[in-house]
Amino acid sequence: MPSPPLAPAPPRASGCGAWSAHAGDLARRIAGELAAYPDGPSTRSCARHDGLVPLRDGVWAHPASLLTMPDRAVAIGCALGAELSADLVVAGLSAAWVFTGVAPPPLLELVTTARPRALAGTRIRQVEVSPAEVEAIGGCPVTIPVRTAIDVLRFAADDALALRAVEALLRSGHADPRAIDRRLASCAALPHLRRARARWSAVSATGV
């Protein structure tokens, strides 16, 4: 089956300006490198065959556009487009992907201190995030690696994805295993803490 022709991506660069002027500037290039497909099984199959990376339903990027952490962070903002707001912070598996480039998640994952809203192709959680737990990458807010690892261990729906993401954070040097140990040991009553500790034991057993 022939691959579907690439269609120009809808304008998305303006959305990144909600995060910062720097993100908005970088988005002018990244947005132009995204591809838009009508979403569906056949186009997903063809896009994967062509080596494109899914960002969100109907929005794809070539791996050559996602080589750096700023590229990946800004691509997430571009995929959100006009639905992006300043309160959203890249988190969970999406943040792990920004840091490592390993395994983009099936849904964009973000957190907010505001009331969350439903956006197609995203998972948004309302949580408290201190400024010390967020860093700017390409002008985009992303949870720091230790917070990212803890969130992945607690909330990722799939064990294999969680372990792969955390192992990638460790192998890349972004996350310090001692810091993860300390954070898990100091948490007393967080939701899904037992799951996080069990997954962390599995990661630790691999000797990463």
Protein backbone atom coordinates (compact mmCIF):
# COMPACT_ATOMS: atom_id res chain seq x y z
CA MET A 1 0.00 0.00 0.00
CA PRO A 2 1.53 3.36 -0.98
CA SER A 3 2.27 5.84 1.74
CA PRO A 4 -0.19 8.73 2.01
CA PRO A 5 1.19 12.05 0.81
CA LEU A 6 2.37 14.40 3.50
CA ALA A 7 0.01 17.28 4.06
CA PRO A 8 1.19 20.63 5.40
CA ALA A 9 0.70 20.80 9.13
CA PRO A 10 -1.85 23.34 10.35
CA PRO A 11 -0.33 26.52 11.81
CA ARG A 12 0.86 25.65 15.32
CA ALA A 13 3.82 27.91 16.03
CA SER A 14 1.78 30.62 17.73
CA GLY A 15 0.72 28.23 20.50
CA CYS A 16 4.25 27.87 21.89
CA GLY A 17 4.38 31.56 22.66
CA ALA A 18 2.09 30.79 25.61
CA TRP A 19 5.12 29.13 27.21
CA SER A 20 7.76 31.70 26.29
CA ALA A 21 9.04 33.92 23.52
CA HIS A 22 12.00 31.53 23.10
CA ALA A 23 9.66 28.56 22.59
CA GLY A 24 7.66 30.60 20.11
CA ASP A 25 10.81 31.42 18.13
CA LEU A 26 11.92 27.78 18.00
CA ALA A 27 8.41 26.70 17.05
CA ARG A 28 8.57 28.60 13.78
CA ARG A 29 10.92 25.94 12.45
CA ILE A 30 9.54 22.89 14.23
CA ALA A 31 5.93 23.59 13.27
CA GLY A 32 6.88 23.70 9.61
CA GLU A 33 8.46 20.25 9.88
CA LEU A 34 5.40 18.51 11.30
CA ALA A 35 3.15 16.46 9.06
CA ALA A 36 -0.62 16.18 9.32
CA TYR A 37 -2.49 13.00 8.38
CA PRO A 38 -6.15 12.16 8.73
CA ASP A 39 -6.03 9.88 11.77
CA GLY A 40 -6.82 6.20 11.30
CA PRO A 41 -5.26 2.71 11.28
CA SER A 42 -4.13 2.79 7.65
CA THR A 43 -2.47 6.18 7.84
CA ARG A 44 -0.84 5.24 11.15
CA SER A 45 0.59 2.13 9.54
CA CYS A 46 1.91 4.06 6.55
CA ALA A 47 3.36 6.86 8.67
CA ARG A 48 5.20 4.36 10.86
CA HIS A 49 6.51 2.64 7.75
CA ASP A 50 7.93 6.00 6.66
CA GLY A 51 9.65 6.35 10.03
CA LEU A 52 7.55 9.23 11.34
CA VAL A 53 7.07 9.75 15.08
CA PRO A 54 3.50 10.19 16.37
CA LEU A 55 3.07 13.25 18.57
CA ARG A 56 -0.70 13.44 18.85
CA ASP A 57 -3.68 12.14 16.90
CA GLY A 58 -3.06 13.15 13.29
CA VAL A 59 0.25 14.97 14.00
CA TRP A 60 3.58 13.39 13.12
CA ALA A 61 7.22 14.44 12.97
CA HIS A 62 10.28 13.09 11.19
CA PRO A 63 12.98 11.84 13.59
CA ALA A 64 15.44 14.33 12.07
CA SER A 65 13.26 17.11 13.54
CA LEU A 66 13.49 15.61 17.05
CA LEU A 67 17.21 15.23 17.62
CA THR A 68 17.60 17.48 20.67
CA MET A 69 15.74 18.04 23.92
CA PRO A 70 14.55 21.52 22.82
CA ASP A 71 13.33 20.04 19.52
CA ARG A 72 11.22 17.47 21.33
CA ALA A 73 9.87 19.88 23.94
CA VAL A 74 8.86 22.44 21.33
CA ALA A 75 7.34 19.72 19.13
CA ILE A 76 4.97 18.87 21.98
CA GLY A 77 3.89 22.50 22.18
CA CYS A 78 3.43 22.63 18.40
CA ALA A 79 1.32 19.46 18.50
CA LEU A 80 -0.96 21.15 21.05
CA GLY A 81 -1.15 24.25 18.88
CA ALA A 82 -3.82 26.77 19.85
CA GLU A 83 -4.89 24.49 22.74
CA LEU A 84 -1.61 25.10 24.56
CA SER A 85 -1.86 27.30 27.66
CA ALA A 86 0.82 28.68 29.96
CA ASP A 87 -0.23 26.52 32.93
CA LEU A 88 0.60 23.23 31.19
CA VAL A 89 3.89 21.53 32.08
CA VAL A 90 5.31 18.58 30.13
CA ALA A 91 5.46 15.63 32.53
CA GLY A 92 5.48 11.86 32.92
CA LEU A 93 6.34 9.78 29.88
CA SER A 94 6.36 12.88 27.66
CA ALA A 95 8.99 14.52 29.86
CA ALA A 96 11.04 11.30 29.85
CA TRP A 97 10.89 11.36 26.04
CA VAL A 98 12.02 15.00 25.96
CA PHE A 99 15.09 14.11 28.04
CA THR A 100 16.03 10.85 26.34
CA GLY A 101 14.32 10.59 22.95
CA VAL A 102 13.30 7.03 23.86
CA ALA A 103 9.75 5.82 23.16
CA PRO A 104 7.33 8.73 22.64
CA PRO A 105 4.23 7.94 24.71
CA PRO A 106 0.87 7.05 23.12
CA LEU A 107 -0.66 10.21 24.65
CA LEU A 108 0.94 13.55 25.45
CA GLU A 109 1.30 13.78 29.22
CA LEU A 110 1.13 17.12 31.01
CA VAL A 111 0.36 18.47 34.46
CA THR A 112 -1.26 21.70 35.60
CA THR A 113 -2.03 23.46 38.84
CA ALA A 114 -5.18 24.83 37.21
CA ARG A 115 -8.38 22.92 36.62
CA PRO A 116 -7.52 20.31 33.97
CA ARG A 117 -9.46 20.12 30.74
CA ALA A 118 -9.98 17.36 28.24
CA LEU A 119 -7.84 17.62 25.10
CA ALA A 120 -7.81 14.90 22.46
CA GLY A 121 -4.64 12.84 22.45
CA THR A 122 -3.49 14.07 25.85
CA ARG A 123 -3.51 13.04 29.50
CA ILE A 124 -3.57 16.05 31.83
CA ARG A 125 -3.38 15.73 35.63
CA GLN A 126 -3.99 18.45 38.19
CA VAL A 127 -1.12 18.37 40.69
CA GLU A 128 1.05 20.63 42.76
CA VAL A 129 4.38 21.28 41.08
CA SER A 130 6.90 23.54 42.77
CA PRO A 131 9.06 25.87 40.64
CA ALA A 132 12.09 23.85 41.77
CA GLU A 133 10.63 20.78 40.04
CA VAL A 134 10.32 22.46 36.63
CA GLU A 135 13.05 23.45 34.21
CA ALA A 136 12.89 25.28 30.91
CA ILE A 137 13.96 23.30 27.86
CA GLY A 138 13.78 25.27 24.66
CA GLY A 139 11.67 27.73 26.63
CA CYS A 140 9.15 24.98 27.46
CA PRO A 141 8.34 23.93 31.06
CA VAL A 142 9.30 20.31 31.74
CA THR A 143 9.38 18.48 35.07
CA ILE A 144 12.96 17.83 36.21
CA PRO A 145 14.29 14.27 35.72
CA VAL A 146 13.81 13.06 39.31
CA ARG A 147 10.22 14.30 39.44
CA THR A 148 9.69 12.83 35.97
CA ALA A 149 10.98 9.42 37.06
CA ILE A 150 8.77 9.39 40.16
CA ASP A 151 5.71 10.36 38.14
CA VAL A 152 6.42 7.66 35.56
CA LEU A 153 6.86 5.04 38.28
CA ARG A 154 3.58 6.10 39.90
CA PHE A 155 1.29 6.82 36.98
CA ALA A 156 2.39 5.10 33.76
CA ALA A 157 -0.35 2.68 32.77
CA ASP A 158 2.04 0.10 31.32
CA ASP A 159 4.83 -1.55 33.33
CA ALA A 160 7.10 -2.07 30.33
CA LEU A 161 6.81 1.57 29.24
CA ALA A 162 7.47 2.78 32.78
CA LEU A 163 10.59 0.65 33.22
CA ARG A 164 11.94 1.53 29.79
CA ALA A 165 11.48 5.27 30.38
CA VAL A 166 13.10 5.26 33.81
CA GLU A 167 15.98 3.08 32.62
CA ALA A 168 16.55 5.56 29.78
CA LEU A 169 16.63 8.46 32.26
CA LEU A 170 19.25 6.60 34.30
CA ARG A 171 21.39 5.46 31.36
CA SER A 172 21.44 8.96 29.88
CA GLY A 173 22.63 10.39 33.20
CA HIS A 174 19.67 12.70 33.59
CA ALA A 175 18.29 10.98 36.70
CA ASP A 176 20.35 10.08 39.78
CA PRO A 177 19.27 6.74 41.29
CA ARG A 178 20.21 7.97 44.77
CA ALA A 179 17.84 10.92 44.38
CA ILE A 180 15.03 8.59 43.30
CA ASP A 181 15.76 6.34 46.31
CA ARG A 182 15.58 9.32 48.65
CA ARG A 183 12.36 10.64 47.13
CA LEU A 184 10.60 7.28 47.33
CA ALA A 185 11.82 6.72 50.89
CA SER A 186 10.59 10.13 52.02
CA CYS A 187 7.11 9.80 50.52
CA ALA A 188 4.63 8.49 53.06
CA ALA A 189 1.14 8.68 51.60
CA LEU A 190 1.26 9.44 47.89
CA PRO A 191 -1.21 7.69 45.58
CA HIS A 192 0.29 4.69 43.76
CA LEU A 193 3.37 4.72 45.97
CA ARG A 194 3.39 0.93 46.31
CA ARG A 195 3.33 0.57 42.53
CA ALA A 196 6.18 3.09 42.22
CA ARG A 197 8.34 1.25 44.73
CA ALA A 198 7.69 -2.12 43.09
CA ARG A 199 8.64 -0.74 39.69
CA TRP A 200 11.73 0.93 41.11
CA SER A 201 12.80 -2.39 42.62
CA ALA A 202 12.44 -3.95 39.17
CA VAL A 203 14.56 -1.20 37.59
CA SER A 204 17.19 -1.47 40.35
CA ALA A 205 17.39 -5.21 39.84
CA THR A 206 18.58 -4.67 36.26
CA GLY A 207 21.69 -2.92 37.56
CA VAL A 208 21.20 0.17 35.42
